[in-house]
Amino acid sequence: MLAAASAVAVSEALAAVFNQRESPVLALGQTVIKLTPGGVAEGIIGVVGKNDKPLAVASVIIAILLLGGLAGMWWSARRLWSIALIVVLVVAASAAMIGRPYAYGAGVVVCIIAGVVVAGVLELLHRESAETSDGRRTFLRNAGFVVAATVVIGGAGELLGSRRRRRQEIERVRASLEL
């Protein structure tokens, strides 16, 4: 799950750096909304009101974290299965990004980099055997490093994204002014 959380943070930050209108997580959430059958969507909207987008995004994040945990469990014993799962997630996120009306290649690059981050973090965390006290210390040190990096990168991505959103709002207000 930590590897998946790191990938989400990196994808959010890179989406902000590349000035994407949506991150892969948001694009997946929008795709989930779009693909949800009408009756089901209306039932959900009846329950949660206008909060269907946050619900879809939260569902996507939970699914990514759970699938990331599964990839982590498979990493040592079934590496090929783990890599295949990561590839499926990257392809799904890339397809969601390409399916958006204003898509361009940088969105796919963000998804691929996020997939590389998952594999890299899993390799880092599984490198040492946790059966010895040295291995446990190494694992905890590496996991702490990954948590700290995830928080910093996620925070930087949110800061960059929020600055971009504020700038867009100012431009909209400026454009609506009559002088």
Protein backbone atom coordinates (compact mmCIF):
# COMPACT_ATOMS: atom_id res chain seq x y z
CA MET A 1 0.00 0.00 0.00
CA LEU A 2 2.89 2.34 0.73
CA ALA A 3 4.23 1.89 -2.80
CA ALA A 4 0.80 2.71 -4.24
CA ALA A 5 0.46 5.76 -1.98
CA SER A 6 3.88 6.95 -3.18
CA ALA A 7 2.81 6.49 -6.79
CA VAL A 8 -0.39 8.49 -6.20
CA ALA A 9 1.63 11.31 -4.61
CA VAL A 10 4.13 11.32 -7.48
CA SER A 11 1.36 11.26 -10.10
CA GLU A 12 -0.42 14.17 -8.42
CA ALA A 13 2.83 16.18 -8.24
CA LEU A 14 3.81 15.42 -11.83
CA ALA A 15 0.32 16.28 -13.07
CA ALA A 16 0.79 19.69 -11.42
CA VAL A 17 4.33 20.09 -12.82
CA PHE A 18 3.16 19.19 -16.34
CA ASN A 19 0.19 21.54 -15.88
CA GLN A 20 -2.34 18.76 -16.47
CA ARG A 21 -5.98 19.67 -16.09
CA GLU A 22 -6.52 16.39 -14.23
CA SER A 23 -4.31 13.92 -12.46
CA PRO A 24 -4.54 10.20 -13.27
CA VAL A 25 -6.57 9.63 -10.10
CA LEU A 26 -9.11 12.29 -11.06
CA ALA A 27 -9.23 11.00 -14.66
CA LEU A 28 -9.93 7.49 -13.36
CA GLY A 29 -12.63 8.88 -11.07
CA GLN A 30 -14.26 10.70 -13.98
CA THR A 31 -14.08 7.50 -16.04
CA VAL A 32 -15.76 5.54 -13.24
CA ILE A 33 -18.57 8.14 -13.19
CA LYS A 34 -18.88 8.01 -16.98
CA LEU A 35 -19.01 4.19 -17.10
CA THR A 36 -21.45 3.80 -14.20
CA PRO A 37 -24.86 2.73 -15.56
CA GLY A 38 -27.54 5.46 -15.39
CA GLY A 39 -29.77 3.79 -12.80
CA VAL A 40 -26.86 3.06 -10.49
CA ALA A 41 -25.47 6.59 -10.92
CA GLU A 42 -28.86 8.14 -10.15
CA GLY A 43 -29.20 5.96 -7.04
CA ILE A 44 -25.75 7.01 -5.83
CA ILE A 45 -26.47 10.68 -6.53
CA GLY A 46 -29.75 10.29 -4.64
CA VAL A 47 -27.80 9.13 -1.60
CA VAL A 48 -24.68 11.35 -1.74
CA GLY A 49 -26.05 14.32 -3.68
CA LYS A 50 -23.48 16.36 -5.55
CA ASN A 51 -20.65 14.51 -3.78
CA ASP A 52 -20.50 11.82 -6.46
CA LYS A 53 -17.12 13.04 -7.78
CA PRO A 54 -15.38 12.96 -4.38
CA LEU A 55 -16.91 9.52 -3.80
CA ALA A 56 -15.61 8.28 -7.15
CA VAL A 57 -12.12 9.68 -6.48
CA ALA A 58 -12.07 8.18 -2.97
CA SER A 59 -13.15 4.84 -4.42
CA VAL A 60 -10.36 4.99 -7.01
CA ILE A 61 -7.77 5.82 -4.33
CA ILE A 62 -8.97 2.96 -2.12
CA ALA A 63 -8.86 0.56 -5.08
CA ILE A 64 -5.34 1.71 -6.02
CA LEU A 65 -4.13 1.27 -2.43
CA LEU A 66 -5.69 -2.21 -2.13
CA LEU A 67 -4.30 -3.33 -5.49
CA GLY A 68 -0.94 -1.84 -4.51
CA GLY A 69 -1.05 -3.92 -1.33
CA LEU A 70 -1.75 -7.00 -3.42
CA ALA A 71 1.19 -6.19 -5.70
CA GLY A 72 3.36 -5.83 -2.59
CA MET A 73 2.26 -9.22 -1.24
CA TRP A 74 3.09 -10.83 -4.58
CA TRP A 75 6.42 -9.00 -5.07
CA SER A 76 8.72 -11.62 -3.52
CA ALA A 77 6.93 -14.86 -4.41
CA ARG A 78 5.07 -13.96 -7.61
CA ARG A 79 6.99 -11.02 -9.07
CA LEU A 80 5.67 -11.55 -12.59
CA TRP A 81 2.07 -11.37 -11.32
CA SER A 82 2.94 -8.25 -9.34
CA ILE A 83 4.49 -6.56 -12.37
CA ALA A 84 1.51 -7.59 -14.51
CA LEU A 85 -0.85 -5.99 -11.98
CA ILE A 86 1.20 -2.79 -12.01
CA VAL A 87 1.12 -2.76 -15.83
CA VAL A 88 -2.68 -3.21 -15.80
CA LEU A 89 -3.01 -0.25 -13.42
CA VAL A 90 -0.71 1.90 -15.59
CA VAL A 91 -2.67 0.98 -18.73
CA ALA A 92 -6.00 1.74 -17.02
CA ALA A 93 -4.75 5.12 -15.79
CA SER A 94 -3.23 5.91 -19.20
CA ALA A 95 -6.49 5.00 -20.96
CA ALA A 96 -8.40 7.25 -18.57
CA MET A 97 -5.98 10.10 -19.25
CA ILE A 98 -6.14 9.60 -23.04
CA GLY A 99 -9.92 9.42 -22.89
CA ARG A 100 -10.22 12.93 -21.50
CA PRO A 101 -11.11 15.68 -24.04
CA TYR A 102 -7.89 17.68 -23.52
CA ALA A 103 -5.47 14.77 -23.24
CA TYR A 104 -1.90 14.81 -24.42
CA GLY A 105 1.19 12.61 -24.04
CA ALA A 106 2.37 14.02 -20.73
CA GLY A 107 -0.55 12.33 -18.96
CA VAL A 108 0.62 8.92 -20.15
CA VAL A 109 4.18 9.75 -19.07
CA VAL A 110 2.85 10.59 -15.59
CA CYS A 111 1.11 7.19 -15.42
CA ILE A 112 4.23 5.32 -16.54
CA ILE A 113 6.39 7.13 -13.99
CA ALA A 114 3.84 6.27 -11.27
CA GLY A 115 4.12 2.60 -12.27
CA VAL A 116 7.91 2.78 -12.07
CA VAL A 117 7.58 4.35 -8.60
CA VAL A 118 5.42 1.42 -7.42
CA ALA A 119 7.96 -1.12 -8.67
CA GLY A 120 10.89 0.87 -7.28
CA VAL A 121 9.38 1.24 -3.82
CA LEU A 122 8.42 -2.44 -3.72
CA GLU A 123 11.96 -3.42 -4.67
CA LEU A 124 13.41 -1.08 -2.04
CA LEU A 125 11.16 -2.42 0.70
CA HIS A 126 11.65 -6.08 -0.23
CA ARG A 127 15.40 -5.85 -0.80
CA GLU A 128 16.47 -6.91 2.69
CA SER A 129 15.16 -9.93 4.52
CA ALA A 130 12.99 -8.91 7.46
CA GLU A 131 13.88 -12.11 9.30
CA THR A 132 16.98 -10.66 10.94
CA SER A 133 17.11 -7.64 13.21
CA ASP A 134 19.31 -5.86 10.66
CA GLY A 135 16.73 -6.61 7.97
CA ARG A 136 13.90 -5.26 10.10
CA ARG A 137 15.84 -2.08 10.86
CA THR A 138 16.63 -1.62 7.18
CA PHE A 139 12.99 -2.16 6.25
CA LEU A 140 11.77 0.32 8.86
CA ARG A 141 14.38 2.90 7.82
CA ASN A 142 13.46 2.50 4.14
CA ALA A 143 9.74 2.58 4.90
CA GLY A 144 10.21 5.75 6.98
CA PHE A 145 12.15 7.34 4.13
CA VAL A 146 9.39 6.42 1.65
CA VAL A 147 6.66 7.79 3.96
CA ALA A 148 8.56 11.07 4.39
CA ALA A 149 9.20 11.38 0.65
CA THR A 150 5.56 10.58 -0.10
CA VAL A 151 4.33 13.29 2.26
CA VAL A 152 6.77 15.88 0.88
CA ILE A 153 6.04 15.06 -2.77
CA GLY A 154 2.29 14.87 -2.17
CA GLY A 155 2.35 18.19 -0.34
CA ALA A 156 4.41 19.81 -3.09
CA GLY A 157 2.00 18.47 -5.70
CA GLU A 158 -0.99 19.83 -3.81
CA LEU A 159 0.72 23.21 -3.39
CA LEU A 160 1.56 23.41 -7.11
CA GLY A 161 -1.93 22.29 -8.08
CA SER A 162 -3.65 24.75 -5.77
CA ARG A 163 -1.51 27.63 -7.08
CA ARG A 164 -2.46 26.67 -10.64
CA ARG A 165 -6.16 26.54 -9.72
CA ARG A 166 -5.93 29.99 -8.06
CA ARG A 167 -4.18 31.40 -11.12
CA GLN A 168 -6.92 30.01 -13.39
CA GLU A 169 -9.63 31.52 -11.19
CA ILE A 170 -7.90 34.93 -11.29
CA GLU A 171 -7.67 34.71 -15.09
CA ARG A 172 -11.40 33.87 -15.31
CA VAL A 173 -12.30 36.84 -13.12
CA ARG A 174 -9.94 39.11 -15.07
CA ALA A 175 -11.47 37.99 -18.38
CA SER A 176 -14.98 38.71 -17.13
CA LEU A 177 -14.14 42.30 -16.14
CA GLU A 178 -15.37 45.03 -18.43
CA LEU A 179 -13.14 48.04 -18.60
